N, C-alpha and C. Protein backbone atom coordinates (compact mmCIF):
# COMPACT_ATOMS: atom_id res chain seq x y z
N MET A 1 256.25 0.15 112.27
CA MET A 1 257.38 -0.65 111.80
C MET A 1 256.84 -1.74 110.86
N SER A 2 257.52 -1.96 109.74
CA SER A 2 257.09 -2.97 108.79
C SER A 2 257.36 -4.37 109.34
N LEU A 3 256.78 -5.39 108.71
CA LEU A 3 257.02 -6.77 109.12
C LEU A 3 258.50 -7.10 109.00
N GLY A 4 259.12 -6.67 107.91
CA GLY A 4 260.55 -6.92 107.73
C GLY A 4 261.39 -6.28 108.82
N GLU A 5 261.10 -5.01 109.11
CA GLU A 5 261.85 -4.31 110.16
C GLU A 5 261.62 -4.98 111.53
N ASN A 6 260.40 -5.37 111.79
CA ASN A 6 260.10 -6.02 113.05
C ASN A 6 260.84 -7.36 113.18
N ASN A 7 260.85 -8.14 112.10
CA ASN A 7 261.59 -9.40 112.12
C ASN A 7 263.07 -9.15 112.40
N LEU A 8 263.61 -8.13 111.76
CA LEU A 8 265.02 -7.81 111.95
C LEU A 8 265.30 -7.41 113.39
N VAL A 9 264.54 -6.49 113.93
CA VAL A 9 264.79 -5.98 115.28
C VAL A 9 264.56 -7.06 116.33
N GLU A 10 263.40 -7.70 116.28
CA GLU A 10 263.08 -8.70 117.30
C GLU A 10 263.94 -9.95 117.17
N GLY A 11 264.14 -10.39 115.93
CA GLY A 11 264.99 -11.55 115.71
C GLY A 11 266.42 -11.29 116.14
N ASN A 12 266.90 -10.08 115.88
CA ASN A 12 268.26 -9.76 116.27
C ASN A 12 268.43 -9.72 117.78
N LYS A 13 267.42 -9.26 118.49
CA LYS A 13 267.49 -9.26 119.96
C LYS A 13 267.73 -10.66 120.48
N ALA A 14 266.96 -11.62 120.00
CA ALA A 14 267.11 -13.01 120.43
C ALA A 14 268.47 -13.57 120.02
N TYR A 15 268.89 -13.28 118.80
CA TYR A 15 270.18 -13.77 118.30
C TYR A 15 271.33 -13.19 119.11
N ALA A 16 271.32 -11.88 119.30
CA ALA A 16 272.41 -11.20 120.00
C ALA A 16 272.50 -11.62 121.47
N ALA A 17 271.37 -11.97 122.06
CA ALA A 17 271.36 -12.35 123.49
C ALA A 17 272.20 -13.59 123.76
N SER A 18 272.32 -14.47 122.76
CA SER A 18 273.11 -15.69 122.98
C SER A 18 274.32 -15.77 122.04
N PHE A 19 274.65 -14.67 121.38
CA PHE A 19 275.75 -14.66 120.42
C PHE A 19 277.09 -14.77 121.13
N THR A 20 277.93 -15.73 120.69
CA THR A 20 279.24 -15.95 121.32
C THR A 20 280.37 -16.05 120.30
N GLN A 21 280.11 -15.73 119.04
CA GLN A 21 281.13 -15.96 118.01
C GLN A 21 281.69 -14.67 117.42
N GLY A 22 281.80 -13.64 118.21
CA GLY A 22 282.31 -12.37 117.75
C GLY A 22 283.80 -12.36 117.47
N ASP A 23 284.49 -13.43 117.77
CA ASP A 23 285.94 -13.48 117.58
C ASP A 23 286.35 -14.25 116.33
N LEU A 24 285.41 -14.57 115.45
CA LEU A 24 285.76 -15.29 114.23
C LEU A 24 286.64 -14.42 113.33
N ALA A 25 287.54 -15.08 112.61
CA ALA A 25 288.44 -14.39 111.70
C ALA A 25 287.68 -13.87 110.48
N LEU A 26 288.19 -12.82 109.85
CA LEU A 26 287.58 -12.25 108.65
C LEU A 26 287.58 -13.24 107.48
N PRO A 27 288.71 -13.87 107.13
CA PRO A 27 288.67 -14.82 106.02
C PRO A 27 287.88 -16.07 106.43
N PRO A 28 287.11 -16.65 105.51
CA PRO A 28 286.36 -17.85 105.86
C PRO A 28 287.28 -19.03 106.14
N SER A 29 287.01 -19.72 107.22
CA SER A 29 287.89 -20.79 107.69
C SER A 29 287.96 -22.00 106.75
N HIS A 30 286.92 -22.24 105.95
CA HIS A 30 286.92 -23.39 105.04
C HIS A 30 287.33 -23.00 103.62
N HIS A 31 287.63 -21.74 103.41
CA HIS A 31 288.23 -21.24 102.16
C HIS A 31 287.40 -21.48 100.90
N TYR A 32 286.08 -21.46 101.01
CA TYR A 32 285.25 -21.58 99.82
C TYR A 32 284.11 -20.57 99.84
N THR A 33 283.54 -20.40 98.65
CA THR A 33 282.39 -19.53 98.47
C THR A 33 281.24 -20.35 97.91
N GLY A 34 280.08 -20.20 98.49
CA GLY A 34 278.88 -20.78 97.94
C GLY A 34 278.12 -19.67 97.21
N LEU A 35 277.81 -19.90 95.95
CA LEU A 35 277.03 -18.95 95.16
C LEU A 35 275.68 -19.59 94.91
N THR A 36 274.62 -19.00 95.43
CA THR A 36 273.29 -19.55 95.25
C THR A 36 272.28 -18.45 94.99
N CYS A 37 271.06 -18.86 94.76
CA CYS A 37 270.00 -17.93 94.43
C CYS A 37 269.48 -17.21 95.67
N MET A 38 268.85 -16.08 95.45
CA MET A 38 268.27 -15.31 96.55
C MET A 38 266.90 -15.84 96.96
N ASP A 39 266.44 -16.90 96.31
CA ASP A 39 265.12 -17.47 96.58
C ASP A 39 264.93 -17.70 98.09
N ALA A 40 263.79 -17.25 98.60
CA ALA A 40 263.50 -17.31 100.03
C ALA A 40 263.32 -18.74 100.54
N ARG A 41 263.19 -19.71 99.64
CA ARG A 41 263.05 -21.11 100.05
C ARG A 41 264.37 -21.79 100.32
N ILE A 42 265.48 -21.07 100.13
CA ILE A 42 266.80 -21.66 100.33
C ILE A 42 267.45 -21.05 101.57
N ASP A 43 267.84 -21.89 102.50
CA ASP A 43 268.60 -21.48 103.68
C ASP A 43 269.99 -22.08 103.52
N PRO A 44 270.93 -21.34 102.91
CA PRO A 44 272.23 -21.92 102.58
C PRO A 44 272.99 -22.51 103.77
N ALA A 45 272.96 -21.84 104.91
CA ALA A 45 273.68 -22.36 106.07
C ALA A 45 273.16 -23.73 106.47
N ALA A 46 271.85 -23.88 106.51
CA ALA A 46 271.26 -25.16 106.91
C ALA A 46 271.34 -26.19 105.79
N ALA A 47 270.95 -25.80 104.57
CA ALA A 47 270.88 -26.75 103.46
C ALA A 47 272.25 -27.25 103.02
N PHE A 48 273.28 -26.44 103.16
CA PHE A 48 274.61 -26.79 102.67
C PHE A 48 275.61 -26.98 103.82
N ASN A 49 275.12 -27.04 105.04
CA ASN A 49 275.95 -27.30 106.23
C ASN A 49 277.13 -26.32 106.33
N ILE A 50 276.82 -25.04 106.34
CA ILE A 50 277.87 -24.01 106.41
C ILE A 50 277.84 -23.37 107.80
N PRO A 51 278.79 -23.71 108.65
CA PRO A 51 278.86 -23.06 109.97
C PRO A 51 279.25 -21.58 109.83
N LEU A 52 278.86 -20.78 110.80
CA LEU A 52 279.22 -19.37 110.82
C LEU A 52 280.74 -19.23 110.73
N GLY A 53 281.20 -18.37 109.83
CA GLY A 53 282.62 -18.12 109.68
C GLY A 53 283.34 -19.07 108.73
N ALA A 54 282.64 -20.10 108.22
CA ALA A 54 283.30 -21.12 107.41
C ALA A 54 283.45 -20.73 105.94
N ALA A 55 282.46 -20.03 105.37
CA ALA A 55 282.46 -19.77 103.94
C ALA A 55 281.75 -18.46 103.64
N HIS A 56 282.08 -17.91 102.49
CA HIS A 56 281.30 -16.78 101.98
C HIS A 56 280.07 -17.35 101.28
N VAL A 57 278.95 -16.69 101.43
CA VAL A 57 277.74 -17.06 100.70
C VAL A 57 277.30 -15.84 99.92
N ILE A 58 277.26 -15.99 98.61
CA ILE A 58 276.83 -14.91 97.72
C ILE A 58 275.48 -15.34 97.15
N ARG A 59 274.52 -14.43 97.24
CA ARG A 59 273.19 -14.73 96.73
C ARG A 59 272.75 -13.66 95.76
N ASN A 60 272.20 -14.09 94.65
CA ASN A 60 271.60 -13.16 93.69
C ASN A 60 270.52 -13.91 92.91
N ALA A 61 269.77 -13.20 92.13
CA ALA A 61 268.71 -13.82 91.34
C ALA A 61 269.31 -14.82 90.37
N GLY A 62 268.97 -16.09 90.53
CA GLY A 62 269.42 -17.13 89.63
C GLY A 62 270.81 -17.68 89.90
N ALA A 63 271.46 -17.27 90.96
CA ALA A 63 272.83 -17.71 91.26
C ALA A 63 273.75 -17.43 90.06
N SER A 64 273.66 -16.23 89.54
CA SER A 64 274.40 -15.85 88.34
C SER A 64 275.88 -15.61 88.63
N ALA A 65 276.73 -16.34 87.91
CA ALA A 65 278.18 -16.16 88.06
C ALA A 65 278.60 -14.76 87.60
N ARG A 66 278.01 -14.29 86.51
CA ARG A 66 278.37 -12.97 85.99
C ARG A 66 278.00 -11.87 86.99
N ASP A 67 276.82 -11.99 87.56
CA ASP A 67 276.35 -11.00 88.54
C ASP A 67 277.21 -11.04 89.81
N ALA A 68 277.72 -12.20 90.16
CA ALA A 68 278.50 -12.37 91.40
C ALA A 68 279.99 -12.18 91.21
N PHE A 69 280.43 -11.96 90.00
CA PHE A 69 281.87 -11.97 89.71
C PHE A 69 282.68 -11.02 90.59
N ARG A 70 282.21 -9.81 90.76
CA ARG A 70 282.93 -8.84 91.61
C ARG A 70 283.14 -9.41 93.01
N SER A 71 282.10 -9.96 93.59
CA SER A 71 282.20 -10.53 94.94
C SER A 71 283.12 -11.74 94.97
N LEU A 72 283.08 -12.56 93.92
CA LEU A 72 283.97 -13.73 93.87
C LEU A 72 285.44 -13.30 93.82
N VAL A 73 285.73 -12.28 93.03
CA VAL A 73 287.12 -11.79 92.96
C VAL A 73 287.57 -11.29 94.33
N ILE A 74 286.74 -10.54 95.00
CA ILE A 74 287.08 -10.05 96.35
C ILE A 74 287.28 -11.22 97.31
N SER A 75 286.38 -12.19 97.27
CA SER A 75 286.46 -13.36 98.12
C SER A 75 287.78 -14.09 97.95
N GLN A 76 288.19 -14.24 96.70
CA GLN A 76 289.41 -14.99 96.40
C GLN A 76 290.68 -14.16 96.63
N GLN A 77 290.72 -13.00 96.03
CA GLN A 77 291.95 -12.22 96.02
C GLN A 77 292.25 -11.51 97.34
N LEU A 78 291.22 -11.08 98.04
CA LEU A 78 291.44 -10.37 99.29
C LEU A 78 291.28 -11.26 100.52
N LEU A 79 290.49 -12.33 100.39
CA LEU A 79 290.16 -13.12 101.58
C LEU A 79 290.49 -14.60 101.45
N GLY A 80 291.18 -14.99 100.39
CA GLY A 80 291.81 -16.29 100.30
C GLY A 80 290.96 -17.51 100.00
N THR A 81 289.75 -17.34 99.45
CA THR A 81 288.99 -18.53 99.11
C THR A 81 289.55 -19.16 97.84
N THR A 82 289.45 -20.47 97.75
CA THR A 82 290.04 -21.21 96.64
C THR A 82 289.05 -22.15 95.95
N GLU A 83 287.78 -22.02 96.28
CA GLU A 83 286.78 -22.91 95.70
C GLU A 83 285.44 -22.18 95.58
N VAL A 84 284.70 -22.47 94.51
CA VAL A 84 283.36 -21.93 94.32
C VAL A 84 282.40 -23.10 94.12
N LEU A 85 281.36 -23.14 94.95
CA LEU A 85 280.27 -24.08 94.77
C LEU A 85 279.10 -23.28 94.22
N LEU A 86 278.79 -23.44 92.94
CA LEU A 86 277.70 -22.72 92.31
C LEU A 86 276.45 -23.60 92.41
N VAL A 87 275.41 -23.09 93.08
CA VAL A 87 274.22 -23.90 93.34
C VAL A 87 272.97 -23.17 92.85
N LYS A 88 272.44 -23.62 91.71
CA LYS A 88 271.15 -23.11 91.22
C LYS A 88 270.08 -24.03 91.80
N HIS A 89 268.80 -23.80 91.47
CA HIS A 89 267.76 -24.64 92.09
C HIS A 89 266.56 -24.84 91.19
N THR A 90 265.83 -25.91 91.49
CA THR A 90 264.61 -26.20 90.77
C THR A 90 263.57 -25.14 91.10
N GLY A 91 262.65 -24.95 90.21
CA GLY A 91 261.58 -23.99 90.44
C GLY A 91 262.05 -22.55 90.49
N CYS A 92 263.18 -22.25 89.89
CA CYS A 92 263.74 -20.90 89.93
C CYS A 92 262.91 -19.95 89.08
N GLY A 93 262.66 -18.77 89.60
CA GLY A 93 261.92 -17.75 88.87
C GLY A 93 262.62 -17.32 87.59
N MET A 94 263.93 -17.47 87.52
CA MET A 94 264.68 -17.05 86.35
C MET A 94 264.38 -17.92 85.13
N LEU A 95 263.70 -19.04 85.35
CA LEU A 95 263.28 -19.93 84.26
C LEU A 95 261.97 -19.47 83.62
N THR A 96 261.34 -18.46 84.20
CA THR A 96 259.96 -18.13 83.83
C THR A 96 259.79 -16.89 82.96
N PHE A 97 260.86 -16.22 82.58
CA PHE A 97 260.74 -14.98 81.80
C PHE A 97 261.98 -14.75 80.97
N ASP A 98 261.92 -13.74 80.13
CA ASP A 98 263.09 -13.30 79.36
C ASP A 98 263.23 -11.78 79.52
N ASN A 99 264.25 -11.22 78.92
CA ASN A 99 264.51 -9.78 79.06
C ASN A 99 263.33 -8.93 78.61
N GLU A 100 262.73 -9.28 77.49
CA GLU A 100 261.62 -8.49 76.97
C GLU A 100 260.44 -8.49 77.95
N THR A 101 260.14 -9.64 78.52
CA THR A 101 259.05 -9.74 79.49
C THR A 101 259.34 -8.89 80.73
N ALA A 102 260.57 -8.99 81.24
CA ALA A 102 260.94 -8.23 82.43
C ALA A 102 260.87 -6.73 82.17
N ARG A 103 261.39 -6.30 81.03
CA ARG A 103 261.34 -4.87 80.72
C ARG A 103 259.89 -4.40 80.56
N GLY A 104 259.05 -5.23 79.96
CA GLY A 104 257.64 -4.90 79.81
C GLY A 104 256.93 -4.75 81.15
N LEU A 105 257.26 -5.61 82.09
CA LEU A 105 256.66 -5.52 83.43
C LEU A 105 257.10 -4.25 84.15
N VAL A 106 258.36 -3.90 84.00
CA VAL A 106 258.84 -2.67 84.62
C VAL A 106 258.07 -1.48 84.04
N LYS A 107 257.94 -1.46 82.73
CA LYS A 107 257.22 -0.35 82.09
C LYS A 107 255.77 -0.30 82.56
N LYS A 108 255.12 -1.44 82.60
CA LYS A 108 253.71 -1.50 83.03
C LYS A 108 253.55 -1.07 84.50
N ASN A 109 254.42 -1.56 85.35
CA ASN A 109 254.29 -1.32 86.79
C ASN A 109 254.83 0.02 87.26
N LYS A 110 255.87 0.53 86.58
CA LYS A 110 256.55 1.73 87.08
C LYS A 110 256.59 2.90 86.10
N GLY A 111 256.25 2.66 84.84
CA GLY A 111 256.19 3.75 83.88
C GLY A 111 257.43 3.90 83.01
N GLU A 112 257.35 4.92 82.14
CA GLU A 112 258.39 5.16 81.13
C GLU A 112 259.77 5.45 81.72
N ALA A 113 259.82 6.27 82.76
CA ALA A 113 261.12 6.63 83.35
C ALA A 113 261.83 5.38 83.85
N ALA A 114 261.11 4.52 84.53
CA ALA A 114 261.71 3.27 85.04
C ALA A 114 262.09 2.35 83.88
N ALA A 115 261.26 2.29 82.85
CA ALA A 115 261.55 1.46 81.68
C ALA A 115 262.86 1.88 81.04
N LYS A 116 263.12 3.18 80.96
CA LYS A 116 264.38 3.67 80.38
C LYS A 116 265.58 3.24 81.25
N GLU A 117 265.39 3.18 82.56
CA GLU A 117 266.49 2.78 83.45
C GLU A 117 266.91 1.33 83.25
N VAL A 118 266.01 0.47 82.79
CA VAL A 118 266.35 -0.94 82.59
C VAL A 118 266.45 -1.31 81.11
N GLU A 119 266.47 -0.30 80.25
CA GLU A 119 266.46 -0.51 78.80
C GLU A 119 267.53 -1.48 78.33
N GLY A 120 268.74 -1.34 78.76
CA GLY A 120 269.82 -2.22 78.30
C GLY A 120 270.20 -3.30 79.30
N LEU A 121 269.44 -3.43 80.37
CA LEU A 121 269.78 -4.38 81.43
C LEU A 121 269.52 -5.82 81.00
N ASP A 122 270.51 -6.67 81.17
CA ASP A 122 270.34 -8.11 80.94
C ASP A 122 269.92 -8.71 82.28
N PHE A 123 268.72 -9.24 82.34
CA PHE A 123 268.22 -9.80 83.59
C PHE A 123 268.80 -11.19 83.87
N LEU A 124 269.57 -11.72 82.93
CA LEU A 124 270.29 -12.99 83.08
C LEU A 124 269.36 -14.17 83.36
N ALA A 125 268.16 -14.12 82.79
CA ALA A 125 267.23 -15.24 82.90
C ALA A 125 267.74 -16.39 82.02
N PHE A 126 267.19 -17.58 82.21
CA PHE A 126 267.63 -18.73 81.43
C PHE A 126 266.49 -19.75 81.29
N PRO A 127 266.45 -20.47 80.15
CA PRO A 127 265.37 -21.43 79.93
C PRO A 127 265.67 -22.86 80.38
N ASP A 128 266.96 -23.19 80.60
CA ASP A 128 267.35 -24.57 80.94
C ASP A 128 268.27 -24.55 82.16
N LEU A 129 267.81 -25.12 83.24
CA LEU A 129 268.52 -25.07 84.52
C LEU A 129 269.91 -25.72 84.47
N GLU A 130 269.97 -26.97 84.10
CA GLU A 130 271.26 -27.68 84.11
C GLU A 130 272.23 -27.11 83.09
N GLU A 131 271.73 -26.70 81.94
CA GLU A 131 272.59 -26.07 80.94
C GLU A 131 273.18 -24.78 81.49
N LYS A 132 272.39 -24.01 82.22
CA LYS A 132 272.88 -22.75 82.78
C LYS A 132 273.92 -23.01 83.87
N VAL A 133 273.75 -24.08 84.65
CA VAL A 133 274.78 -24.44 85.63
C VAL A 133 276.09 -24.70 84.90
N ARG A 134 276.04 -25.53 83.85
CA ARG A 134 277.25 -25.84 83.09
C ARG A 134 277.87 -24.57 82.47
N GLU A 135 277.00 -23.73 81.89
CA GLU A 135 277.47 -22.49 81.25
C GLU A 135 278.15 -21.57 82.26
N ASP A 136 277.55 -21.38 83.43
CA ASP A 136 278.15 -20.50 84.44
C ASP A 136 279.48 -21.05 84.96
N VAL A 137 279.55 -22.36 85.17
CA VAL A 137 280.81 -22.97 85.62
C VAL A 137 281.89 -22.77 84.57
N GLU A 138 281.56 -23.03 83.31
CA GLU A 138 282.53 -22.84 82.23
C GLU A 138 282.94 -21.38 82.10
N TRP A 139 281.99 -20.45 82.26
CA TRP A 139 282.31 -19.03 82.18
C TRP A 139 283.31 -18.66 83.28
N LEU A 140 283.07 -19.14 84.49
CA LEU A 140 284.01 -18.84 85.58
C LEU A 140 285.38 -19.44 85.30
N LYS A 141 285.40 -20.68 84.85
CA LYS A 141 286.68 -21.34 84.58
C LYS A 141 287.46 -20.66 83.46
N SER A 142 286.78 -19.91 82.60
CA SER A 142 287.45 -19.24 81.49
C SER A 142 288.08 -17.90 81.89
N ARG A 143 287.83 -17.42 83.08
CA ARG A 143 288.37 -16.15 83.56
C ARG A 143 289.80 -16.37 84.08
N ALA A 144 290.71 -15.53 83.71
CA ALA A 144 292.09 -15.64 84.16
C ALA A 144 292.19 -15.54 85.68
N VAL A 145 291.38 -14.69 86.30
CA VAL A 145 291.43 -14.51 87.74
C VAL A 145 290.99 -15.77 88.48
N GLU A 146 290.29 -16.67 87.77
CA GLU A 146 289.81 -17.91 88.39
C GLU A 146 290.80 -19.07 88.27
N GLU A 147 291.93 -18.86 87.60
CA GLU A 147 292.92 -19.94 87.48
C GLU A 147 293.32 -20.43 88.86
N GLY A 148 293.33 -21.74 89.04
CA GLY A 148 293.69 -22.33 90.33
C GLY A 148 292.53 -22.41 91.31
N ILE A 149 291.37 -21.95 90.91
CA ILE A 149 290.18 -21.99 91.76
C ILE A 149 289.33 -23.19 91.33
N ARG A 150 288.95 -24.01 92.28
CA ARG A 150 288.07 -25.15 91.98
C ARG A 150 286.64 -24.62 91.87
N VAL A 151 285.96 -24.96 90.77
CA VAL A 151 284.58 -24.51 90.53
C VAL A 151 283.73 -25.73 90.19
N THR A 152 282.68 -25.95 90.95
CA THR A 152 281.74 -27.02 90.65
C THR A 152 280.33 -26.46 90.58
N GLY A 153 279.44 -27.18 89.90
CA GLY A 153 278.07 -26.72 89.72
C GLY A 153 277.06 -27.74 90.20
N TRP A 154 276.04 -27.25 90.88
CA TRP A 154 275.06 -28.10 91.56
C TRP A 154 273.65 -27.60 91.33
N VAL A 155 272.67 -28.47 91.56
CA VAL A 155 271.27 -28.09 91.58
C VAL A 155 270.71 -28.50 92.94
N TYR A 156 270.07 -27.55 93.60
CA TYR A 156 269.35 -27.80 94.85
C TYR A 156 267.89 -28.00 94.49
N GLU A 157 267.31 -29.08 94.98
CA GLU A 157 265.91 -29.38 94.71
C GLU A 157 265.06 -28.81 95.83
N VAL A 158 264.31 -27.75 95.56
CA VAL A 158 263.50 -27.11 96.60
C VAL A 158 262.40 -28.05 97.10
N GLU A 159 262.03 -29.02 96.28
CA GLU A 159 260.98 -29.95 96.67
C GLU A 159 261.44 -30.97 97.71
N THR A 160 262.74 -31.34 97.68
CA THR A 160 263.24 -32.40 98.56
C THR A 160 264.32 -31.93 99.52
N GLY A 161 264.93 -30.77 99.25
CA GLY A 161 266.05 -30.30 100.06
C GLY A 161 267.38 -30.93 99.69
N LYS A 162 267.41 -31.74 98.64
CA LYS A 162 268.63 -32.44 98.23
C LYS A 162 269.39 -31.65 97.17
N VAL A 163 270.70 -31.85 97.15
CA VAL A 163 271.54 -31.28 96.09
C VAL A 163 272.06 -32.41 95.22
N ARG A 164 272.28 -32.07 93.95
CA ARG A 164 272.89 -33.03 93.05
C ARG A 164 273.92 -32.29 92.18
N ARG A 165 275.04 -32.95 91.97
CA ARG A 165 276.11 -32.35 91.19
C ARG A 165 275.80 -32.43 89.70
N VAL A 166 276.03 -31.33 89.01
CA VAL A 166 275.85 -31.27 87.57
C VAL A 166 277.22 -31.32 86.89
N VAL A 167 278.14 -30.54 87.40
CA VAL A 167 279.49 -30.47 86.83
C VAL A 167 280.49 -30.12 87.91
């Protein structure tokens, strides 16, 4: 069994042994979605004070609004959320490369067939953290499906554990 599988199995045994919240409703009780990065240094429930059942948490590389859009629409239209907290973070890997670099790494590490699979893929990297927060918030606000949805943008500081509002 791999380390990941072992963590899942053993950790789940301990979690399930004391689990008492199986009766929570499907829609999140606080009616918001947190969109943050998949970075392993971020624990959204702890860092953003999200109790189980309170909010949807969507995670992807760089906390990309475009990448998360499908999930945000489902969260809002099917499950009644009315707010998006977009939280990017300091030290994000998405600040360290561009599309050409990513495609080159795929080609080097996996070969020509894999390189062709990512040929037109936009990895959605960005060079400026706060500017990308503003851009993603504005992009979401410009979507018709987002009308009436509150959208704010934040930066989580991995060095201190603090969040600060950008927009």
